[in-house]
PDB file of N, CA and C in Angstrom:
ATOM      1  N   MET A   1       4.962  22.139 -16.542  1.00  0.00           N
ATOM      2  CA  MET A   1       5.850  21.377 -15.576  1.00  0.00           C
ATOM      3  C   MET A   1       5.163  20.677 -14.721  1.00  0.00           C
ATOM      4  N   GLY A   2       4.001  21.138 -14.069  1.00  0.00           N
ATOM      5  CA  GLY A   2       3.202  20.436 -13.169  1.00  0.00           C
ATOM      6  C   GLY A   2       2.809  19.046 -13.661  1.00  0.00           C
ATOM      7  N   ARG A   3       2.314  19.069 -14.766  1.00  0.00           N
ATOM      8  CA  ARG A   3       1.720  17.761 -15.501  1.00  0.00           C
ATOM      9  C   ARG A   3       2.853  16.743 -15.640  1.00  0.00           C
ATOM     10  N   GLU A   4       4.084  17.292 -15.983  1.00  0.00           N
ATOM     11  CA  GLU A   4       5.276  16.300 -16.182  1.00  0.00           C
ATOM     12  C   GLU A   4       5.604  15.798 -14.770  1.00  0.00           C
ATOM     13  N   LEU A   5       5.644  16.549 -13.805  1.00  0.00           N
ATOM     14  CA  LEU A   5       5.906  16.216 -12.474  1.00  0.00           C
ATOM     15  C   LEU A   5       4.971  15.182 -12.010  1.00  0.00           C
ATOM     16  N   HIS A   6       3.726  15.394 -12.162  1.00  0.00           N
ATOM     17  CA  HIS A   6       2.655  14.565 -11.759  1.00  0.00           C
ATOM     18  C   HIS A   6       2.916  13.043 -12.445  1.00  0.00           C
ATOM     19  N   ARG A   7       3.166  13.141 -13.800  1.00  0.00           N
ATOM     20  CA  ARG A   7       3.359  11.996 -14.602  1.00  0.00           C
ATOM     21  C   ARG A   7       4.546  11.163 -14.117  1.00  0.00           C
ATOM     22  N   ARG A   8       5.687  11.836 -13.711  1.00  0.00           N
ATOM     23  CA  ARG A   8       6.749  11.188 -13.215  1.00  0.00           C
ATOM     24  C   ARG A   8       6.671  10.491 -11.760  1.00  0.00           C
ATOM     25  N   ALA A   9       5.856  11.278 -11.029  1.00  0.00           N
ATOM     26  CA  ALA A   9       5.542  10.839  -9.626  1.00  0.00           C
ATOM     27  C   ALA A   9       4.668   9.593  -9.759  1.00  0.00           C
ATOM     28  N   ALA A  10       3.690   9.633 -10.725  1.00  0.00           N
ATOM     29  CA  ALA A  10       2.790   8.326 -10.762  1.00  0.00           C
ATOM     30  C   ALA A  10       3.529   7.166 -11.260  1.00  0.00           C
ATOM     31  N   GLU A  11       4.459   7.404 -12.162  1.00  0.00           N
ATOM     32  CA  GLU A  11       5.336   6.381 -12.696  1.00  0.00           C
ATOM     33  C   GLU A  11       6.105   5.689 -11.586  1.00  0.00           C
ATOM     34  N   THR A  12       6.677   6.697 -10.843  1.00  0.00           N
ATOM     35  CA  THR A  12       7.603   6.240  -9.657  1.00  0.00           C
ATOM     36  C   THR A  12       6.794   5.394  -8.678  1.00  0.00           C
ATOM     37  N   GLN A  13       5.546   5.707  -8.432  1.00  0.00           N
ATOM     38  CA  GLN A  13       4.659   5.045  -7.562  1.00  0.00           C
ATOM     39  C   GLN A  13       4.299   3.594  -8.133  1.00  0.00           C
ATOM     40  N   ARG A  14       3.890   3.595  -9.406  1.00  0.00           N
ATOM     41  CA  ARG A  14       3.588   2.298  -9.967  1.00  0.00           C
ATOM     42  C   ARG A  14       4.885   1.447 -10.041  1.00  0.00           C
ATOM     43  N   ALA A  15       5.950   1.874 -10.311  1.00  0.00           N
ATOM     44  CA  ALA A  15       7.241   1.053 -10.354  1.00  0.00           C
ATOM     45  C   ALA A  15       7.519   0.453  -8.909  1.00  0.00           C
ATOM     46  N   GLY A  16       7.296   1.314  -8.006  1.00  0.00           N
ATOM     47  CA  GLY A  16       7.510   0.876  -6.665  1.00  0.00           C
ATOM     48  C   GLY A  16       6.569  -0.258  -6.097  1.00  0.00           C
ATOM     49  N   ARG A  17       5.295  -0.071  -6.587  1.00  0.00           N
ATOM     50  CA  ARG A  17       4.320  -1.052  -6.278  1.00  0.00           C
ATOM     51  C   ARG A  17       4.523  -2.471  -6.958  1.00  0.00           C
ATOM     52  N   VAL A  18       4.921  -2.337  -8.187  1.00  0.00           N
ATOM     53  CA  VAL A  18       5.386  -3.556  -8.890  1.00  0.00           C
ATOM     54  C   VAL A  18       6.503  -4.238  -8.165  1.00  0.00           C
ATOM     55  N   ARG A  19       7.448  -3.554  -7.780  1.00  0.00           N
ATOM     56  CA  ARG A  19       8.677  -4.060  -7.111  1.00  0.00           C
ATOM     57  C   ARG A  19       8.160  -4.780  -5.826  1.00  0.00           C
ATOM     58  N   VAL A  20       7.496  -4.031  -5.061  1.00  0.00           N
ATOM     59  CA  VAL A  20       7.092  -4.487  -3.711  1.00  0.00           C
ATOM     60  C   VAL A  20       6.001  -5.643  -3.834  1.00  0.00           C
ATOM     61  N   HIS A  21       5.137  -5.542  -4.594  1.00  0.00           N
ATOM     62  CA  HIS A  21       4.074  -6.558  -4.824  1.00  0.00           C
ATOM     63  C   HIS A  21       4.443  -7.915  -5.589  1.00  0.00           C
ATOM     64  N   GLY A  22       5.717  -7.823  -6.132  1.00  0.00           N
ATOM     65  CA  GLY A  22       6.049  -8.804  -7.037  1.00  0.00           C
ATOM     66  C   GLY A  22       6.088 -10.247  -6.263  1.00  0.00           C
ATOM     67  N   GLY A  23       5.402 -11.280  -6.847  1.00  0.00           N
ATOM     68  CA  GLY A  23       5.409 -12.588  -6.340  1.00  0.00           C
ATOM     69  C   GLY A  23       4.373 -12.783  -5.230  1.00  0.00           C
ATOM     70  N   VAL A  24       3.587 -11.708  -4.908  1.00  0.00           N
ATOM     71  CA  VAL A  24       2.522 -11.808  -4.050  1.00  0.00           C
ATOM     72  C   VAL A  24       1.255 -11.679  -4.629  1.00  0.00           C
ATOM     73  N   SER A  25       0.447 -12.589  -4.464  1.00  0.00           N
ATOM     74  CA  SER A  25      -0.876 -12.439  -5.084  1.00  0.00           C
ATOM     75  C   SER A  25      -1.754 -11.462  -4.474  1.00  0.00           C
ATOM     76  N   ASP A  26      -2.845 -10.960  -5.059  1.00  0.00           N
ATOM     77  CA  ASP A  26      -3.708  -9.966  -4.558  1.00  0.00           C
ATOM     78  C   ASP A  26      -4.357 -10.499  -3.215  1.00  0.00           C
ATOM     79  N   GLU A  27      -4.672 -11.798  -3.253  1.00  0.00           N
ATOM     80  CA  GLU A  27      -5.253 -12.452  -2.000  1.00  0.00           C
ATOM     81  C   GLU A  27      -4.236 -12.409  -0.798  1.00  0.00           C
ATOM     82  N   GLU A  28      -2.940 -12.786  -1.239  1.00  0.00           N
ATOM     83  CA  GLU A  28      -2.007 -12.656  -0.051  1.00  0.00           C
ATOM     84  C   GLU A  28      -1.694 -11.365   0.348  1.00  0.00           C
ATOM     85  N   TYR A  29      -1.762 -10.322  -0.440  1.00  0.00           N
ATOM     86  CA  TYR A  29      -1.499  -9.060  -0.093  1.00  0.00           C
ATOM     87  C   TYR A  29      -2.575  -8.462   0.778  1.00  0.00           C
ATOM     88  N   LEU A  30      -3.851  -8.851   0.427  1.00  0.00           N
ATOM     89  CA  LEU A  30      -4.974  -8.358   1.243  1.00  0.00           C
ATOM     90  C   LEU A  30      -4.965  -9.059   2.551  1.00  0.00           C
ATOM     91  N   THR A  31      -4.626 -10.462   2.690  1.00  0.00           N
ATOM     92  CA  THR A  31      -4.582 -11.001   3.988  1.00  0.00           C
ATOM     93  C   THR A  31      -3.479 -10.339   4.920  1.00  0.00           C
ATOM     94  N   ALA A  32      -2.314  -9.935   4.233  1.00  0.00           N
ATOM     95  CA  ALA A  32      -1.237  -9.456   5.052  1.00  0.00           C
ATOM     96  C   ALA A  32      -1.728  -8.026   5.573  1.00  0.00           C
ATOM     97  N   LEU A  33      -2.429  -7.146   4.750  1.00  0.00           N
ATOM     98  CA  LEU A  33      -2.858  -5.934   5.261  1.00  0.00           C
ATOM     99  C   LEU A  33      -3.778  -6.238   6.409  1.00  0.00           C
ATOM    100  N   LYS A  34      -4.788  -6.923   6.356  1.00  0.00           N
ATOM    101  CA  LYS A  34      -5.728  -7.301   7.380  1.00  0.00           C
ATOM    102  C   LYS A  34      -5.135  -7.744   8.619  1.00  0.00           C
ATOM    103  N   VAL A  35      -4.186  -8.540   8.518  1.00  0.00           N
ATOM    104  CA  VAL A  35      -3.442  -9.043   9.774  1.00  0.00           C
ATOM    105  C   VAL A  35      -2.547  -7.880  10.400  1.00  0.00           C
ATOM    106  N   LEU A  36      -1.836  -7.035   9.602  1.00  0.00           N
ATOM    107  CA  LEU A  36      -1.234  -5.915  10.092  1.00  0.00           C
ATOM    108  C   LEU A  36      -2.136  -4.794  10.709  1.00  0.00           C
ATOM    109  N   GLN A  37      -3.204  -4.681  10.132  1.00  0.00           N
ATOM    110  CA  GLN A  37      -4.249  -3.781  10.833  1.00  0.00           C
ATOM    111  C   GLN A  37      -4.705  -4.305  12.138  1.00  0.00           C
ATOM    112  N   ARG A  38      -5.096  -5.651  12.199  1.00  0.00           N
ATOM    113  CA  ARG A  38      -5.391  -6.137  13.508  1.00  0.00           C
ATOM    114  C   ARG A  38      -4.267  -6.045  14.497  1.00  0.00           C
ATOM    115  N   MET A  39      -3.142  -6.151  14.099  1.00  0.00           N
ATOM    116  CA  MET A  39      -2.006  -6.038  15.013  1.00  0.00           C
ATOM    117  C   MET A  39      -1.778  -4.658  15.558  1.00  0.00           C
ATOM    118  N   ILE A  40      -2.066  -3.643  14.578  1.00  0.00           N
ATOM    119  CA  ILE A  40      -2.011  -2.291  14.995  1.00  0.00           C
ATOM    120  C   ILE A  40      -3.139  -1.928  16.166  1.00  0.00           C
ATOM    121  N   VAL A  41      -4.352  -2.362  15.896  1.00  0.00           N
ATOM    122  CA  VAL A  41      -5.374  -2.223  16.809  1.00  0.00           C
ATOM    123  C   VAL A  41      -5.132  -2.960  18.235  1.00  0.00           C
ATOM    124  N   ASN A  42      -4.517  -4.244  17.977  1.00  0.00           N
ATOM    125  CA  ASN A  42      -4.144  -4.923  19.329  1.00  0.00           C
ATOM    126  C   ASN A  42      -3.211  -4.104  20.044  1.00  0.00           C
ATOM    127  N   ALA A  43      -2.340  -3.359  19.384  1.00  0.00           N
ATOM    128  CA  ALA A  43      -1.225  -2.700  20.175  1.00  0.00           C
ATOM    129  C   ALA A  43      -1.779  -1.338  20.558  1.00  0.00           C
ATOM    130  N   GLY A  44      -3.042  -1.044  20.430  1.00  0.00           N
ATOM    131  CA  GLY A  44      -3.651   0.311  20.907  1.00  0.00           C
ATOM    132  C   GLY A  44      -3.541   1.259  19.923  1.00  0.00           C
ATOM    133  N   GLY A  45      -3.293   0.893  18.668  1.00  0.00           N
ATOM    134  CA  GLY A  45      -3.225   1.997  17.568  1.00  0.00           C
ATOM    135  C   GLY A  45      -4.463   2.192  17.055  1.00  0.00           C
ATOM    136  N   ASP A  46      -4.686   3.320  16.163  1.00  0.00           N
ATOM    137  CA  ASP A  46      -5.849   3.580  15.459  1.00  0.00           C
ATOM    138  C   ASP A  46      -5.595   3.381  14.062  1.00  0.00           C
ATOM    139  N   LEU A  47      -6.771   3.125  13.365  1.00  0.00           N
ATOM    140  CA  LEU A  47      -6.632   3.014  11.860  1.00  0.00           C
ATOM    141  C   LEU A  47      -7.591   4.209  11.242  1.00  0.00           C
ATOM    142  N   PRO A  48      -7.192   4.618  10.115  1.00  0.00           N
ATOM    143  CA  PRO A  48      -8.042   5.722   9.565  1.00  0.00           C
ATOM    144  C   PRO A  48      -9.331   4.974   9.213  1.00  0.00           C
ATOM    145  N   ARG A  49     -10.439   5.797   9.228  1.00  0.00           N
ATOM    146  CA  ARG A  49     -11.786   5.234   8.660  1.00  0.00           C
ATOM    147  C   ARG A  49     -11.713   4.662   7.308  1.00  0.00           C
ATOM    148  N   GLY A  50     -12.283   3.518   7.172  1.00  0.00           N
ATOM    149  CA  GLY A  50     -12.372   2.874   5.887  1.00  0.00           C
ATOM    150  C   GLY A  50     -11.143   1.902   5.772  1.00  0.00           C
ATOM    151  N   ALA A  51     -10.275   1.921   6.578  1.00  0.00           N
ATOM    152  CA  ALA A  51      -9.162   0.961   6.435  1.00  0.00           C
ATOM    153  C   ALA A  51      -9.502  -0.540   7.043  1.00  0.00           C
TER     154      ALA A  51
END
């Protein structure tokens, strides 16, 4: 049962990423993430290491 649950969870995650990332190039996605991270820091928030 654990392997099947893991497989279904991975498929759900992949499908969600495809839906959200649709029409957005990898370059645009990366740019958006960097801008959002900068805004978080500007607002006094912390980012996890490596982010």
